[in-house]
Each structure stands twice: as C-alpha cells, then as structure tokens.
Amino acid sequence: MKRLTLIMLLITLSSGVSLSGVYAREHGDRSGEIRVDFINKDTWSVSLPLGSEDGLTAEIFFALLDNDNRVITEIFPFEILSNRFWSGPLSPDVFNRVQIGTKAIRVTLNQIDIQRIQAEYRSRSDSLQGSRASSRREQLLQSYEDLEEAILLASNRKMKIRRDRAALQESLKKERRDLAMRVDRINYRLDQWRNDLDDLDDDKDKLVEERKKLQERQNAPQSRIDRLTREISEIEEEIREVRDEIRELREERRDAELDADRRGISRIRSDLVDLALEEEDFQVELEQLEAQRAIIGREIQDLEVEQGPLER
C-alpha cells in the first residue's frame, strides 16, 4: 500500500505543477506552488490558501513536502473556509517538521489510503478534543477550589474584622465608663465645694447684715464691729480658697475629657471607622468571588451533564 502511494506520488511529482492545476496557478507563490501559510499550535493543524470559493471539497488530498520533495504527510480539508482550509490535527512529530512555507501538492490516493488517513485524523481530533475537555475540567475544578480557598480567606478576614470591631466597641464603652466615673467623682467634689461656697456666702451675708445694724446704732460697741469685720474678712478668704478649688476642679474635669477623647475615645472611633470600611471592602470582594464561583459551578454542572460527574 505504501509502495502504491509512493508510485502515485512519483507520478504526481514527475508531472510537475500541472497536477495542482488551477489551485497552483491562482493561489500559489510566484513559482506557482501551493505552500502552507498558517500553522496552529493549539490544534496541531496547518492551513493552505484554498477554500470553498475555489471549489475545494473534503475529498481532495494534498501532500506536504520537505525541502528534498520527500513526503512529510498527506492532508485533506478538515475545515473549509471561503478562501482557505485547515487540515485536521497532525501527529506531533509530523507537525514539528512543518512550517510556514512548506510546499504542498495535490495527490490522488486510493480508497484504502483515504479511509486510513481520514481515520487517523478523526482519531487524533477525538483525542485532542478529549484532552481539551480533560484540561478544561481540570481548569474548572482548580478554579473552583481556588475560589473556595479565596472565599474562605476573605470570610475569615471579615470575621476577624468583626471581632476586632466588637473588641474596639467594648474598649470604647470602657473608656466612656472610666471617663464617666472620673467626671462623676470630680462633679461630686464640685458639688461639695459649691455647697460650702453657698454656706460661706450665707454666713458672710449674715455677718455683713449684723455689722450694718451695729454701725447704724448709736453708741454701738466698736469692739463688736471690729470682731465682725475680722470674721467677714476670714470668710472672704475662705470663699476665695473655695472658688480656687472649684476652678481647679473644673479644669481637671475639662482636662480629663480632653485626655480621654485624645488618647482613647477619639482613636477608637477612628479605628472603628477604618474597620467598617475594610469590612465593606471584604464584603464586596466576597460577593464578587461568590458570583465567580456560581458561574464556574454552573459550567461544572454543564460538563457533568455532558460527561458525567467530575472528581473533586
């Protein structure tokens, strides 16, 4: 059979370009020869610049020749376009011997060789499709697993942010309680000093009123008036001291509130805002990841309908 093919090829070569007929004259290079113009490494196929517009059919065969005009392999139109056709997948060793510019001639084969070559191409095509399907399955499963891991990481991070927010909120409550207790203690002391101040003001008013009455009387004992004046002076000194205490306590309360806001409450509030924004970002990321997982999940389901359950 090989000898018959070789004999037919020798006949073809001896007749030159005429066996290629109109194809070589219209679509060949300047020498009138047909040459490979594209190769596809993904499908292991080659293209010749002949198509349906040239009356090409799937029953027409071509031989690809090396530089010594030795046959590399026979091809036939596996996919016919308007101005070109693509061969079926070549075997790896043959494909590596073909390049853009490889010469092609039309050949006539017997029915046995035609059926053999077509069967070989169909077998390689089925194998390539199966390999692609297997590769696609592996890619889908790997993508699904990667998304599952990314979703888990994002979920864990989101939960950690929530825990951090809860801890900060507790810290904020504690800071506020501590500040409230400190302010309450200051306010309690302020109330005591204010009460003392009110009592001192009352005592002073009484003494001033008593001295005034004495001064309005004739022959009032001067010693009594002098004693009242001293007592009024002493009370006024106490009033000044109490007012100083009240002023200091007010300053202490203001400083406590400012210090708590600066060192605790304000910082915690800022951290809470940052964490809230970060949690929103992770929520958006989670929704995007889950949407991608749903899409890939549907693709996996479609493959399982076509090919059976996929191993996970």
Protein backbone atom coordinates (compact mmCIF):
# COMPACT_ATOMS: atom_id res chain seq x y z
CA MET A 1 0.00 0.00 0.00
CA LYS A 2 2.83 2.38 0.86
CA ARG A 3 4.53 1.39 -2.40
CA LEU A 4 1.34 2.25 -4.31
CA THR A 5 1.17 5.62 -2.60
CA LEU A 6 4.83 6.28 -3.41
CA ILE A 7 4.32 5.34 -7.04
CA MET A 8 1.33 7.70 -7.30
CA LEU A 9 3.31 10.48 -5.64
CA LEU A 10 6.25 9.96 -8.05
CA ILE A 11 3.83 10.23 -10.91
CA THR A 12 2.50 13.44 -9.41
CA LEU A 13 5.98 14.89 -8.94
CA SER A 14 7.04 13.95 -12.45
CA SER A 15 4.05 15.81 -13.90
CA GLY A 16 5.01 18.98 -12.00
CA VAL A 17 2.65 21.86 -11.40
CA SER A 18 0.05 20.58 -13.83
CA LEU A 19 -1.30 18.15 -11.23
CA SER A 20 -2.04 21.06 -8.97
CA GLY A 21 -3.99 22.61 -11.79
CA VAL A 22 -5.86 25.84 -11.28
CA TYR A 23 -5.11 25.83 -7.50
CA ALA A 24 -1.39 26.35 -8.02
CA ARG A 25 -1.74 28.90 -10.76
CA GLU A 26 -4.24 31.07 -8.89
CA HIS A 27 -3.18 30.64 -5.25
CA GLY A 28 0.44 29.52 -5.30
CA ASP A 29 3.53 31.63 -4.76
CA ARG A 30 5.46 33.22 -7.58
CA SER A 31 6.74 29.86 -8.70
CA GLY A 32 3.16 28.58 -8.95
CA GLU A 33 3.43 26.31 -5.92
CA ILE A 34 0.97 25.99 -3.03
CA ARG A 35 2.55 26.49 0.36
CA VAL A 36 1.46 26.38 3.98
CA ASP A 37 0.57 29.93 5.03
CA PHE A 38 -0.57 29.42 8.65
CA ILE A 39 0.01 26.91 11.41
CA ASN A 40 -1.99 26.49 14.62
CA LYS A 41 -0.03 25.14 17.57
CA ASP A 42 -3.19 24.74 19.64
CA THR A 43 -4.90 22.40 17.18
CA TRP A 44 -1.72 20.92 15.59
CA SER A 45 -3.08 21.88 12.17
CA VAL A 46 -1.91 23.78 9.08
CA SER A 47 -3.65 25.98 6.53
CA LEU A 48 -3.44 26.19 2.73
CA PRO A 49 -4.81 29.17 0.78
CA LEU A 50 -7.59 27.24 -0.97
CA GLY A 51 -11.24 27.33 0.02
CA SER A 52 -14.83 26.83 -0.99
CA GLU A 53 -14.58 29.71 -3.47
CA ASP A 54 -12.09 27.56 -5.36
CA GLY A 55 -14.43 24.58 -5.45
CA LEU A 56 -12.44 22.76 -2.80
CA THR A 57 -14.09 19.69 -1.22
CA ALA A 58 -13.16 17.37 1.61
CA GLU A 59 -12.33 14.62 -0.90
CA ILE A 60 -9.30 16.46 -2.30
CA PHE A 61 -5.97 15.42 -0.76
CA PHE A 62 -2.62 17.16 -0.63
CA ALA A 63 0.87 16.02 0.24
CA LEU A 64 3.21 18.22 2.26
CA LEU A 65 6.82 18.01 1.02
CA ASP A 66 10.12 18.76 2.70
CA ASN A 67 12.96 20.66 1.02
CA ASP A 68 14.04 17.49 -0.77
CA ASN A 69 10.50 16.97 -2.13
CA ARG A 70 10.00 13.99 0.14
CA VAL A 71 6.53 13.43 1.52
CA ILE A 72 6.09 14.60 5.11
CA THR A 73 2.43 13.66 5.33
CA GLU A 74 -0.86 13.76 3.44
CA ILE A 75 -3.61 16.19 4.47
CA PHE A 76 -7.16 16.90 3.40
CA PRO A 77 -9.61 19.76 4.14
CA PHE A 78 -10.80 19.22 7.67
CA GLU A 79 -12.37 22.70 7.97
CA ILE A 80 -13.15 24.54 4.72
CA LEU A 81 -13.48 28.34 4.71
CA SER A 82 -14.17 30.64 1.78
CA ASN A 83 -10.53 31.32 0.94
CA ARG A 84 -8.61 28.64 2.81
CA PHE A 85 -8.87 25.34 4.56
CA TRP A 86 -7.43 23.88 7.74
CA SER A 87 -6.13 20.36 7.99
CA GLY A 88 -7.01 18.06 10.82
CA PRO A 89 -4.57 17.67 13.72
CA LEU A 90 -1.18 16.32 12.68
CA SER A 91 0.84 13.98 14.82
CA PRO A 92 3.42 15.83 16.97
CA ASP A 93 6.45 14.52 15.08
CA VAL A 94 4.91 15.47 11.73
CA PHE A 95 3.73 18.86 12.98
CA ASN A 96 7.26 19.71 14.12
CA ARG A 97 8.53 19.12 10.56
CA VAL A 98 6.03 21.52 9.00
CA GLN A 99 6.46 25.27 8.91
CA ILE A 100 5.04 28.28 7.11
CA GLY A 101 6.19 27.96 3.53
CA THR A 102 6.17 24.16 3.43
CA LYS A 103 5.27 23.12 -0.12
CA ALA A 104 2.04 21.25 -0.84
CA ILE A 105 0.85 19.42 -3.97
CA ARG A 106 -2.44 17.79 -4.80
CA VAL A 107 -2.32 13.99 -4.86
CA THR A 108 -4.70 11.22 -5.77
CA LEU A 109 -4.95 8.34 -3.31
CA ASN A 110 -6.69 5.04 -3.41
CA GLN A 111 -9.76 4.47 -1.26
CA ILE A 112 -7.91 2.39 1.30
CA ASP A 113 -5.33 5.12 1.94
CA ILE A 114 -8.08 7.74 2.04
CA GLN A 115 -10.01 5.83 4.69
CA ARG A 116 -6.83 5.19 6.68
CA ILE A 117 -5.76 8.84 6.64
CA GLN A 118 -9.26 10.07 7.48
CA ALA A 119 -9.49 7.59 10.36
CA GLU A 120 -6.11 8.71 11.70
CA TYR A 121 -7.17 12.36 11.59
CA ARG A 122 -10.50 11.61 13.27
CA SER A 123 -8.71 9.66 15.97
CA ARG A 124 -6.27 12.49 16.64
CA SER A 125 -9.13 15.01 16.57
CA ASP A 126 -11.12 12.98 19.10
CA SER A 127 -8.02 12.59 21.25
CA LEU A 128 -7.31 16.33 21.07
CA GLN A 129 -10.91 17.18 21.96
CA GLY A 130 -10.81 14.70 24.83
CA SER A 131 -7.55 16.19 26.04
CA ARG A 132 -9.03 19.68 25.81
CA ALA A 133 -12.16 18.57 27.66
CA SER A 134 -10.00 16.95 30.34
CA SER A 135 -7.86 20.06 30.57
CA ARG A 136 -10.99 22.22 30.79
CA ARG A 137 -12.36 20.00 33.56
CA GLU A 138 -9.11 20.30 35.48
CA GLN A 139 -9.06 24.07 34.98
CA LEU A 140 -12.66 24.41 36.18
CA LEU A 141 -12.08 22.24 39.23
CA GLN A 142 -8.84 24.05 40.08
CA SER A 143 -10.54 27.43 39.63
CA TYR A 144 -13.42 26.28 41.83
CA GLU A 145 -11.01 25.13 44.54
CA ASP A 146 -9.02 28.38 44.29
CA LEU A 147 -12.23 30.39 44.65
CA GLU A 148 -13.31 28.27 47.61
CA GLU A 149 -9.99 29.00 49.29
CA ALA A 150 -10.19 32.72 48.44
CA ILE A 151 -13.76 32.88 49.78
CA LEU A 152 -12.69 31.12 52.97
CA LEU A 153 -9.77 33.52 53.46
CA ALA A 154 -11.97 36.55 52.79
CA SER A 155 -14.67 35.21 55.13
CA ASN A 156 -12.12 34.56 57.88
CA ARG A 157 -10.70 38.04 57.43
CA LYS A 158 -14.17 39.54 57.53
CA MET A 159 -14.98 37.63 60.73
CA LYS A 160 -11.70 38.80 62.28
CA ILE A 161 -12.60 42.38 61.41
CA ARG A 162 -15.97 41.90 63.09
CA ARG A 163 -14.28 40.52 66.19
CA ASP A 164 -11.85 43.44 66.17
CA ARG A 165 -14.76 45.86 65.83
CA ALA A 166 -16.57 44.19 68.73
CA ALA A 167 -13.42 44.40 70.86
CA LEU A 168 -12.97 48.07 69.98
CA GLN A 169 -16.59 48.79 70.80
CA GLU A 170 -16.08 47.19 74.21
CA SER A 171 -12.95 49.30 74.66
CA LEU A 172 -14.94 52.38 73.70
CA LYS A 173 -17.59 51.51 76.27
CA LYS A 174 -14.89 51.02 78.91
CA GLU A 175 -13.24 54.34 78.04
CA ARG A 176 -16.60 56.06 78.31
CA ARG A 177 -17.35 54.34 81.63
CA ASP A 178 -13.95 55.29 83.01
CA LEU A 179 -14.41 58.87 81.88
CA ALA A 180 -17.92 58.99 83.32
CA MET A 181 -16.68 57.66 86.68
CA ARG A 182 -13.82 60.14 86.76
CA VAL A 183 -16.09 63.04 85.83
CA ASP A 184 -18.65 61.90 88.41
CA ARG A 185 -16.01 61.96 91.13
CA ILE A 186 -14.98 65.46 90.09
CA ASN A 187 -18.59 66.61 89.93
CA TYR A 188 -19.20 65.19 93.39
CA ARG A 189 -16.32 67.20 94.78
CA LEU A 190 -17.53 70.24 92.85
CA ASP A 191 -20.97 69.89 94.42
CA GLN A 192 -19.41 69.72 97.87
CA TRP A 193 -17.35 72.85 97.26
CA ARG A 194 -20.35 74.65 95.81
CA ASN A 195 -22.35 73.78 98.92
CA ASP A 196 -19.51 75.04 101.07
CA LEU A 197 -19.41 78.21 98.98
CA ASP A 198 -23.15 78.73 99.41
CA ASP A 199 -22.80 78.26 103.17
CA LEU A 200 -19.91 80.71 103.32
CA ASP A 201 -21.85 83.26 101.29
CA ASP A 202 -24.79 82.89 103.68
CA ASP A 203 -22.52 83.28 106.71
CA LYS A 204 -20.89 86.36 105.22
CA ASP A 205 -24.26 87.92 104.39
CA LYS A 206 -25.39 87.42 107.97
CA LEU A 207 -22.23 88.97 109.39
CA VAL A 208 -22.42 91.89 106.98
CA GLU A 209 -26.04 92.47 107.90
CA GLU A 210 -25.25 92.29 111.62
CA ARG A 211 -22.36 94.74 111.27
CA LYS A 212 -24.51 97.12 109.30
CA LYS A 213 -27.12 97.19 112.03
CA LEU A 214 -24.47 97.84 114.69
CA GLN A 215 -22.98 100.63 112.68
CA GLU A 216 -26.41 102.26 112.41
CA ARG A 217 -26.87 102.22 116.20
CA GLN A 218 -25.56 104.97 118.36
CA ASN A 219 -23.01 104.02 120.98
CA ALA A 220 -22.57 100.56 119.39
CA PRO A 221 -19.56 98.77 120.83
CA GLN A 222 -16.67 99.26 118.41
CA SER A 223 -15.04 96.08 119.56
CA ARG A 224 -18.08 94.14 118.36
CA ILE A 225 -17.94 95.86 114.97
CA ASP A 226 -14.21 95.14 114.66
CA ARG A 227 -14.76 91.47 115.54
CA LEU A 228 -17.45 91.17 112.85
CA THR A 229 -15.15 92.82 110.32
CA ARG A 230 -12.41 90.29 111.09
CA GLU A 231 -14.84 87.41 110.79
CA ILE A 232 -16.10 88.76 107.46
CA SER A 233 -12.50 89.03 106.21
CA GLU A 234 -11.79 85.46 107.29
CA ILE A 235 -14.92 84.21 105.49
CA GLU A 236 -13.97 86.12 102.34
CA GLU A 237 -10.55 84.42 102.42
CA GLU A 238 -12.25 81.04 102.71
CA ILE A 239 -14.57 81.96 99.84
CA ARG A 240 -11.54 82.76 97.64
CA GLU A 241 -9.95 79.44 98.53
CA VAL A 242 -13.16 77.56 97.78
CA ARG A 243 -13.52 79.32 94.45
CA ASP A 244 -9.93 78.39 93.61
CA GLU A 245 -10.75 74.78 94.40
CA ILE A 246 -13.84 74.93 92.19
CA ARG A 247 -11.84 76.45 89.32
CA GLU A 248 -9.16 73.79 89.62
CA LEU A 249 -11.74 71.02 89.64
CA ARG A 250 -13.39 72.42 86.52
CA GLU A 251 -10.02 72.47 84.80
CA GLU A 252 -9.37 68.92 85.95
CA ARG A 253 -12.71 67.80 84.50
CA ARG A 254 -12.01 69.53 81.18
CA ASP A 255 -8.52 68.00 81.01
CA ALA A 256 -9.96 64.56 81.78
CA GLU A 257 -12.48 64.85 78.96
CA LEU A 258 -9.87 66.13 76.51
CA ASP A 259 -7.37 63.46 77.52
CA ALA A 260 -9.92 60.68 77.19
CA ASP A 261 -11.00 61.94 73.78
CA ARG A 262 -7.44 62.37 72.55
CA ARG A 263 -5.92 59.17 73.89
CA GLY A 264 -8.85 56.79 73.90
CA ILE A 265 -12.28 57.62 72.59
CA SER A 266 -11.22 59.58 69.50
CA ARG A 267 -8.64 56.95 68.47
CA ILE A 268 -11.07 54.10 68.96
CA ARG A 269 -13.73 55.88 66.94
CA SER A 270 -11.26 56.39 64.11
CA ASP A 271 -10.23 52.73 64.23
CA LEU A 272 -13.88 51.69 64.16
CA VAL A 273 -14.49 53.76 61.02
CA ASP A 274 -11.44 52.20 59.33
CA LEU A 275 -12.57 48.69 60.22
CA ALA A 276 -16.09 49.38 58.99
CA LEU A 277 -14.72 50.49 55.62
CA GLU A 278 -12.42 47.47 55.48
CA GLU A 279 -15.33 45.16 56.24
CA GLU A 280 -17.33 46.73 53.41
CA ASP A 281 -14.41 46.10 51.02
CA PHE A 282 -14.23 42.45 52.04
CA GLN A 283 -17.99 42.13 51.64
CA VAL A 284 -17.74 43.42 48.06
CA GLU A 285 -14.84 41.04 47.41
CA LEU A 286 -16.83 38.15 48.87
CA GLU A 287 -19.81 38.90 46.65
CA GLN A 288 -17.57 39.02 43.57
CA LEU A 289 -15.85 35.75 44.50
CA GLU A 290 -19.16 34.03 45.17
CA ALA A 291 -20.52 35.26 41.82
CA GLN A 292 -17.46 33.82 40.05
CA ARG A 293 -17.86 30.57 41.97
CA ALA A 294 -21.51 30.36 40.89
CA ILE A 295 -20.54 30.82 37.23
CA ILE A 296 -17.87 28.12 37.40
CA GLY A 297 -20.25 25.90 39.36
CA ARG A 298 -22.77 26.13 36.53
CA GLU A 299 -20.05 25.28 33.98
CA ILE A 300 -19.10 22.24 36.05
CA GLN A 301 -22.75 21.17 36.18
CA ASP A 302 -23.00 21.51 32.41
CA LEU A 303 -19.89 19.35 31.97
CA GLU A 304 -21.28 16.77 34.39
CA VAL A 305 -24.46 16.58 32.31
CA GLU A 306 -22.38 16.01 29.18
CA GLN A 307 -19.59 13.81 30.56
CA GLY A 308 -20.69 12.51 33.94
CA PRO A 309 -19.68 13.54 37.49
CA LEU A 310 -16.32 15.23 37.86
CA GLU A 311 -13.93 14.08 40.56
CA ARG A 312 -13.36 16.75 43.22
